[in-house]
PDB file of N, CA and C in Angstrom:
ATOM      1  N   MET A   1      -5.915 -47.801 -17.144  1.00  0.00           N
ATOM      2  CA  MET A   1      -5.766 -46.354 -16.850  1.00  0.00           C
ATOM      3  C   MET A   1      -4.907 -46.168 -15.358  1.00  0.00           C
ATOM      4  N   THR A   2      -4.194 -45.068 -15.985  1.00  0.00           N
ATOM      5  CA  THR A   2      -3.630 -44.604 -14.773  1.00  0.00           C
ATOM      6  C   THR A   2      -4.065 -43.392 -14.133  1.00  0.00           C
ATOM      7  N   HIS A   3      -3.292 -43.128 -12.181  1.00  0.00           N
ATOM      8  CA  HIS A   3      -4.377 -42.033 -12.421  1.00  0.00           C
ATOM      9  C   HIS A   3      -3.543 -40.716 -12.030  1.00  0.00           C
ATOM     10  N   GLN A   4      -3.595 -39.876 -12.792  1.00  0.00           N
ATOM     11  CA  GLN A   4      -2.408 -39.254 -12.807  1.00  0.00           C
ATOM     12  C   GLN A   4      -3.147 -37.366 -12.050  1.00  0.00           C
ATOM     13  N   SER A   5      -2.070 -37.341 -11.394  1.00  0.00           N
ATOM     14  CA  SER A   5      -2.309 -36.248  -9.944  1.00  0.00           C
ATOM     15  C   SER A   5      -2.514 -34.759 -10.845  1.00  0.00           C
ATOM     16  N   HIS A   6      -3.628 -34.299 -10.585  1.00  0.00           N
ATOM     17  CA  HIS A   6      -3.571 -32.107 -11.332  1.00  0.00           C
ATOM     18  C   HIS A   6      -2.642 -31.863 -10.358  1.00  0.00           C
ATOM     19  N   ASN A   7      -1.705 -31.135 -10.061  1.00  0.00           N
ATOM     20  CA  ASN A   7      -1.179 -30.528  -9.263  1.00  0.00           C
ATOM     21  C   ASN A   7      -1.482 -28.705 -10.001  1.00  0.00           C
ATOM     22  N   GLU A   8      -2.292 -28.539  -9.961  1.00  0.00           N
ATOM     23  CA  GLU A   8      -2.456 -27.432 -10.780  1.00  0.00           C
ATOM     24  C   GLU A   8      -1.926 -25.939  -9.772  1.00  0.00           C
ATOM     25  N   GLU A   9      -1.264 -24.763  -9.855  1.00  0.00           N
ATOM     26  CA  GLU A   9      -0.343 -24.366  -9.303  1.00  0.00           C
ATOM     27  C   GLU A   9      -1.026 -22.973  -9.323  1.00  0.00           C
ATOM     28  N   LYS A  10      -1.277 -22.537  -8.329  1.00  0.00           N
ATOM     29  CA  LYS A  10      -2.494 -20.733  -8.168  1.00  0.00           C
ATOM     30  C   LYS A  10      -1.269 -20.043  -8.444  1.00  0.00           C
ATOM     31  N   ILE A  11      -1.562 -19.183  -9.346  1.00  0.00           N
ATOM     32  CA  ILE A  11      -0.866 -17.779 -10.352  1.00  0.00           C
ATOM     33  C   ILE A  11      -1.562 -16.477  -9.527  1.00  0.00           C
ATOM     34  N   ASN A  12      -0.276 -15.612  -9.087  1.00  0.00           N
ATOM     35  CA  ASN A  12      -0.513 -14.539  -8.293  1.00  0.00           C
ATOM     36  C   ASN A  12      -0.801 -13.430  -9.610  1.00  0.00           C
ATOM     37  N   TYR A  13      -1.680 -13.062  -9.746  1.00  0.00           N
ATOM     38  CA  TYR A  13      -1.833 -12.527 -10.669  1.00  0.00           C
ATOM     39  C   TYR A  13      -1.763 -10.682 -10.128  1.00  0.00           C
ATOM     40  N   GLU A  14      -1.290 -10.985  -8.991  1.00  0.00           N
ATOM     41  CA  GLU A  14      -1.305  -9.429  -7.899  1.00  0.00           C
ATOM     42  C   GLU A  14      -0.624  -8.313  -8.698  1.00  0.00           C
ATOM     43  N   SER A  15       0.658  -8.301  -8.853  1.00  0.00           N
ATOM     44  CA  SER A  15       1.810  -7.672  -9.558  1.00  0.00           C
ATOM     45  C   SER A  15       0.815  -7.821 -10.560  1.00  0.00           C
ATOM     46  N   LEU A  16       0.306  -8.571 -11.645  1.00  0.00           N
ATOM     47  CA  LEU A  16       0.253  -7.806 -13.375  1.00  0.00           C
ATOM     48  C   LEU A  16      -1.207  -6.821 -12.666  1.00  0.00           C
ATOM     49  N   TYR A  17      -1.368  -6.396 -12.177  1.00  0.00           N
ATOM     50  CA  TYR A  17      -2.869  -5.918 -12.133  1.00  0.00           C
ATOM     51  C   TYR A  17      -1.496  -4.605 -11.141  1.00  0.00           C
ATOM     52  N   PHE A  18      -1.401  -4.875 -10.416  1.00  0.00           N
ATOM     53  CA  PHE A  18      -0.550  -3.203 -10.329  1.00  0.00           C
ATOM     54  C   PHE A  18       0.864  -2.183 -11.254  1.00  0.00           C
ATOM     55  N   LEU A  19       1.283  -4.251 -11.700  1.00  0.00           N
ATOM     56  CA  LEU A  19       1.873  -3.167 -13.525  1.00  0.00           C
ATOM     57  C   LEU A  19       0.972  -2.721 -14.706  1.00  0.00           C
ATOM     58  N   VAL A  20      -0.148  -2.455 -14.406  1.00  0.00           N
ATOM     59  CA  VAL A  20      -1.117  -2.150 -15.360  1.00  0.00           C
ATOM     60  C   VAL A  20      -1.777  -1.313 -15.131  1.00  0.00           C
ATOM     61  N   GLY A  21      -1.836  -1.377 -13.773  1.00  0.00           N
ATOM     62  CA  GLY A  21      -2.667  -0.245 -12.774  1.00  0.00           C
ATOM     63  C   GLY A  21      -2.159   1.169 -13.221  1.00  0.00           C
ATOM     64  N   LEU A  22      -0.359   0.680 -13.337  1.00  0.00           N
ATOM     65  CA  LEU A  22       0.988   2.000 -13.398  1.00  0.00           C
ATOM     66  C   LEU A  22       1.017   2.805 -14.342  1.00  0.00           C
ATOM     67  N   LEU A  23       0.401   1.749 -15.405  1.00  0.00           N
ATOM     68  CA  LEU A  23       1.497   1.896 -16.462  1.00  0.00           C
ATOM     69  C   LEU A  23       0.576   2.588 -16.919  1.00  0.00           C
ATOM     70  N   SER A  24      -1.528   2.518 -17.243  1.00  0.00           N
ATOM     71  CA  SER A  24      -2.383   2.781 -17.180  1.00  0.00           C
ATOM     72  C   SER A  24      -2.311   3.948 -16.912  1.00  0.00           C
ATOM     73  N   GLY A  25      -1.656   4.573 -15.309  1.00  0.00           N
ATOM     74  CA  GLY A  25      -1.704   5.894 -15.563  1.00  0.00           C
ATOM     75  C   GLY A  25      -0.519   7.205 -15.199  1.00  0.00           C
ATOM     76  N   LEU A  26       0.233   5.786 -15.674  1.00  0.00           N
ATOM     77  CA  LEU A  26       1.295   6.928 -16.214  1.00  0.00           C
ATOM     78  C   LEU A  26       0.815   7.194 -17.999  1.00  0.00           C
ATOM     79  N   PHE A  27       0.047   6.020 -18.890  1.00  0.00           N
ATOM     80  CA  PHE A  27      -0.167   6.623 -19.949  1.00  0.00           C
ATOM     81  C   PHE A  27      -0.858   7.790 -20.019  1.00  0.00           C
ATOM     82  N   THR A  28      -2.262   7.664 -19.366  1.00  0.00           N
ATOM     83  CA  THR A  28      -3.093   8.531 -19.692  1.00  0.00           C
ATOM     84  C   THR A  28      -1.803  10.030 -18.629  1.00  0.00           C
ATOM     85  N   GLY A  29      -0.788  10.011 -17.411  1.00  0.00           N
ATOM     86  CA  GLY A  29      -0.487  11.055 -17.307  1.00  0.00           C
ATOM     87  C   GLY A  29       0.340  11.747 -18.028  1.00  0.00           C
ATOM     88  N   VAL A  30       0.417  11.572 -19.388  1.00  0.00           N
ATOM     89  CA  VAL A  30       1.634  10.976 -20.470  1.00  0.00           C
ATOM     90  C   VAL A  30       0.476  12.181 -22.252  1.00  0.00           C
ATOM     91  N   VAL A  31      -0.850  11.583 -22.102  1.00  0.00           N
ATOM     92  CA  VAL A  31      -2.366  12.094 -22.121  1.00  0.00           C
ATOM     93  C   VAL A  31      -2.507  13.414 -22.161  1.00  0.00           C
ATOM     94  N   ILE A  32      -2.965  13.220 -20.502  1.00  0.00           N
ATOM     95  CA  ILE A  32      -2.832  14.747 -19.966  1.00  0.00           C
ATOM     96  C   ILE A  32      -2.220  15.777 -20.425  1.00  0.00           C
ATOM     97  N   GLN A  33      -1.135  14.783 -20.102  1.00  0.00           N
ATOM     98  CA  GLN A  33       0.287  15.991 -20.147  1.00  0.00           C
ATOM     99  C   GLN A  33      -0.026  18.072 -19.827  1.00  0.00           C
ATOM    100  N   GLY A  34      -0.353  17.802 -18.566  1.00  0.00           N
ATOM    101  CA  GLY A  34      -0.597  19.503 -18.553  1.00  0.00           C
ATOM    102  C   GLY A  34       0.939  20.231 -18.132  1.00  0.00           C
ATOM    103  N   SER A  35       1.480  19.620 -17.220  1.00  0.00           N
ATOM    104  CA  SER A  35       2.947  19.700 -16.872  1.00  0.00           C
ATOM    105  C   SER A  35       3.568  17.512 -16.235  1.00  0.00           C
ATOM    106  N   TRP A  36       4.809  17.621 -16.211  1.00  0.00           N
ATOM    107  CA  TRP A  36       5.586  17.100 -15.780  1.00  0.00           C
ATOM    108  C   TRP A  36       5.231  16.495 -15.123  1.00  0.00           C
ATOM    109  N   LEU A  37       4.986  17.411 -13.765  1.00  0.00           N
ATOM    110  CA  LEU A  37       4.140  16.464 -12.768  1.00  0.00           C
ATOM    111  C   LEU A  37       3.697  15.973 -12.626  1.00  0.00           C
ATOM    112  N   TRP A  38       2.405  16.188 -13.384  1.00  0.00           N
ATOM    113  CA  TRP A  38       1.043  15.005 -13.739  1.00  0.00           C
ATOM    114  C   TRP A  38       1.754  13.568 -13.985  1.00  0.00           C
ATOM    115  N   ILE A  39       2.384  13.141 -14.714  1.00  0.00           N
ATOM    116  CA  ILE A  39       2.490  11.848 -14.501  1.00  0.00           C
ATOM    117  C   ILE A  39       3.142  10.924 -14.406  1.00  0.00           C
ATOM    118  N   PRO A  40       4.117  11.545 -12.886  1.00  0.00           N
ATOM    119  CA  PRO A  40       4.482  10.399 -11.275  1.00  0.00           C
ATOM    120  C   PRO A  40       2.817  10.189 -11.149  1.00  0.00           C
ATOM    121  N   VAL A  41       2.346  11.621 -10.831  1.00  0.00           N
ATOM    122  CA  VAL A  41       0.958  11.709 -10.045  1.00  0.00           C
ATOM    123  C   VAL A  41       0.077  10.989 -10.579  1.00  0.00           C
ATOM    124  N   LEU A  42      -0.278  10.918 -12.138  1.00  0.00           N
ATOM    125  CA  LEU A  42      -1.373   9.680 -12.135  1.00  0.00           C
ATOM    126  C   LEU A  42      -0.794   8.524 -12.458  1.00  0.00           C
ATOM    127  N   ALA A  43       0.446   8.461 -11.865  1.00  0.00           N
ATOM    128  CA  ALA A  43       1.261   6.752 -12.127  1.00  0.00           C
ATOM    129  C   ALA A  43       0.359   6.375 -10.490  1.00  0.00           C
ATOM    130  N   ILE A  44       1.071   7.210  -9.160  1.00  0.00           N
ATOM    131  CA  ILE A  44       0.485   6.969  -8.507  1.00  0.00           C
ATOM    132  C   ILE A  44      -1.134   6.501  -8.346  1.00  0.00           C
ATOM    133  N   VAL A  45      -1.544   7.517  -8.786  1.00  0.00           N
ATOM    134  CA  VAL A  45      -3.568   7.054  -8.834  1.00  0.00           C
ATOM    135  C   VAL A  45      -3.883   5.955  -9.372  1.00  0.00           C
ATOM    136  N   GLY A  46      -3.190   5.650 -10.335  1.00  0.00           N
ATOM    137  CA  GLY A  46      -3.369   4.504 -10.905  1.00  0.00           C
ATOM    138  C   GLY A  46      -3.589   2.695 -10.311  1.00  0.00           C
ATOM    139  N   VAL A  47      -1.414   2.610  -9.681  1.00  0.00           N
ATOM    140  CA  VAL A  47      -1.356   2.075  -8.229  1.00  0.00           C
ATOM    141  C   VAL A  47      -2.807   2.324  -7.226  1.00  0.00           C
ATOM    142  N   LEU A  48      -2.755   3.854  -6.266  1.00  0.00           N
ATOM    143  CA  LEU A  48      -3.670   3.420  -5.899  1.00  0.00           C
ATOM    144  C   LEU A  48      -5.460   2.170  -6.346  1.00  0.00           C
ATOM    145  N   PHE A  49      -5.399   3.555  -7.809  1.00  0.00           N
ATOM    146  CA  PHE A  49      -6.703   2.327  -7.956  1.00  0.00           C
ATOM    147  C   PHE A  49      -6.970   1.189  -8.041  1.00  0.00           C
ATOM    148  N   THR A  50      -5.947   0.968  -8.245  1.00  0.00           N
ATOM    149  CA  THR A  50      -5.507  -1.159  -8.669  1.00  0.00           C
ATOM    150  C   THR A  50      -5.761  -1.833  -7.034  1.00  0.00           C
ATOM    151  N   SER A  51      -4.879  -1.000  -5.709  1.00  0.00           N
ATOM    152  CA  SER A  51      -5.364  -1.948  -4.668  1.00  0.00           C
ATOM    153  C   SER A  51      -6.569  -1.402  -4.293  1.00  0.00           C
ATOM    154  N   PHE A  52      -7.468  -0.628  -4.955  1.00  0.00           N
ATOM    155  CA  PHE A  52      -8.687  -0.355  -4.718  1.00  0.00           C
ATOM    156  C   PHE A  52      -9.313  -1.938  -4.909  1.00  0.00           C
ATOM    157  N   PHE A  53      -9.098  -2.006  -6.690  1.00  0.00           N
ATOM    158  CA  PHE A  53      -9.805  -2.734  -7.571  1.00  0.00           C
ATOM    159  C   PHE A  53      -9.571  -4.210  -7.066  1.00  0.00           C
ATOM    160  N   LEU A  54      -7.781  -4.575  -6.114  1.00  0.00           N
ATOM    161  CA  LEU A  54      -7.762  -5.879  -5.760  1.00  0.00           C
ATOM    162  C   LEU A  54      -9.051  -5.711  -4.344  1.00  0.00           C
ATOM    163  N   THR A  55      -8.694  -4.741  -3.600  1.00  0.00           N
ATOM    164  CA  THR A  55      -9.294  -5.142  -2.263  1.00  0.00           C
ATOM    165  C   THR A  55     -10.718  -5.558  -2.116  1.00  0.00           C
ATOM    166  N   VAL A  56     -11.639  -4.201  -3.177  1.00  0.00           N
ATOM    167  CA  VAL A  56     -12.773  -4.420  -3.632  1.00  0.00           C
ATOM    168  C   VAL A  56     -13.225  -5.946  -4.165  1.00  0.00           C
ATOM    169  N   PHE A  57     -12.349  -5.685  -5.995  1.00  0.00           N
ATOM    170  CA  PHE A  57     -13.621  -6.358  -6.631  1.00  0.00           C
ATOM    171  C   PHE A  57     -13.415  -8.117  -6.090  1.00  0.00           C
ATOM    172  N   VAL A  58     -11.480  -7.970  -6.070  1.00  0.00           N
ATOM    173  CA  VAL A  58     -10.690  -9.394  -6.741  1.00  0.00           C
ATOM    174  C   VAL A  58     -10.891 -10.317  -5.119  1.00  0.00           C
ATOM    175  N   ARG A  59     -10.387  -9.559  -4.652  1.00  0.00           N
ATOM    176  CA  ARG A  59     -10.278 -10.737  -3.259  1.00  0.00           C
ATOM    177  C   ARG A  59     -11.445 -10.650  -2.878  1.00  0.00           C
ATOM    178  N   GLY A  60     -11.123 -12.771  -2.275  1.00  0.00           N
ATOM    179  CA  GLY A  60     -12.489 -12.710  -1.387  1.00  0.00           C
ATOM    180  C   GLY A  60     -13.366 -14.332  -2.404  1.00  0.00           C
ATOM    181  N   ARG A  61     -13.025 -13.687  -3.593  1.00  0.00           N
ATOM    182  CA  ARG A  61     -13.606 -14.236  -4.768  1.00  0.00           C
ATOM    183  C   ARG A  61     -13.084 -15.783  -4.809  1.00  0.00           C
ATOM    184  N   ALA A  62     -13.752 -16.646  -5.256  1.00  0.00           N
ATOM    185  CA  ALA A  62     -14.082 -18.278  -4.927  1.00  0.00           C
ATOM    186  C   ALA A  62     -12.052 -18.918  -5.933  1.00  0.00           C
ATOM    187  N   ASP A  63     -12.873 -17.766  -7.713  1.00  0.00           N
ATOM    188  CA  ASP A  63     -11.282 -18.408  -8.543  1.00  0.00           C
ATOM    189  C   ASP A  63     -10.981 -17.605  -8.865  1.00  0.00           C
ATOM    190  N   ALA A  64     -10.627 -15.946  -8.616  1.00  0.00           N
ATOM    191  CA  ALA A  64      -9.851 -15.096  -8.255  1.00  0.00           C
ATOM    192  C   ALA A  64      -8.469 -15.500  -8.052  1.00  0.00           C
TER     193      ALA A  64
END
């Protein structure tokens, strides 16, 4: 039997979380669409919620 080295690469999913938060905020802004101002505002809110989610729930977990 040969010894196989398992070189597991840690994948950083933070950018994926920020992209999902941004797109969710944009989608919410399009659905609400009280005015065109809400679309970028809610995109920023989505990114802020993503940073809160990463800071509170994801970081510090051993398997994250």
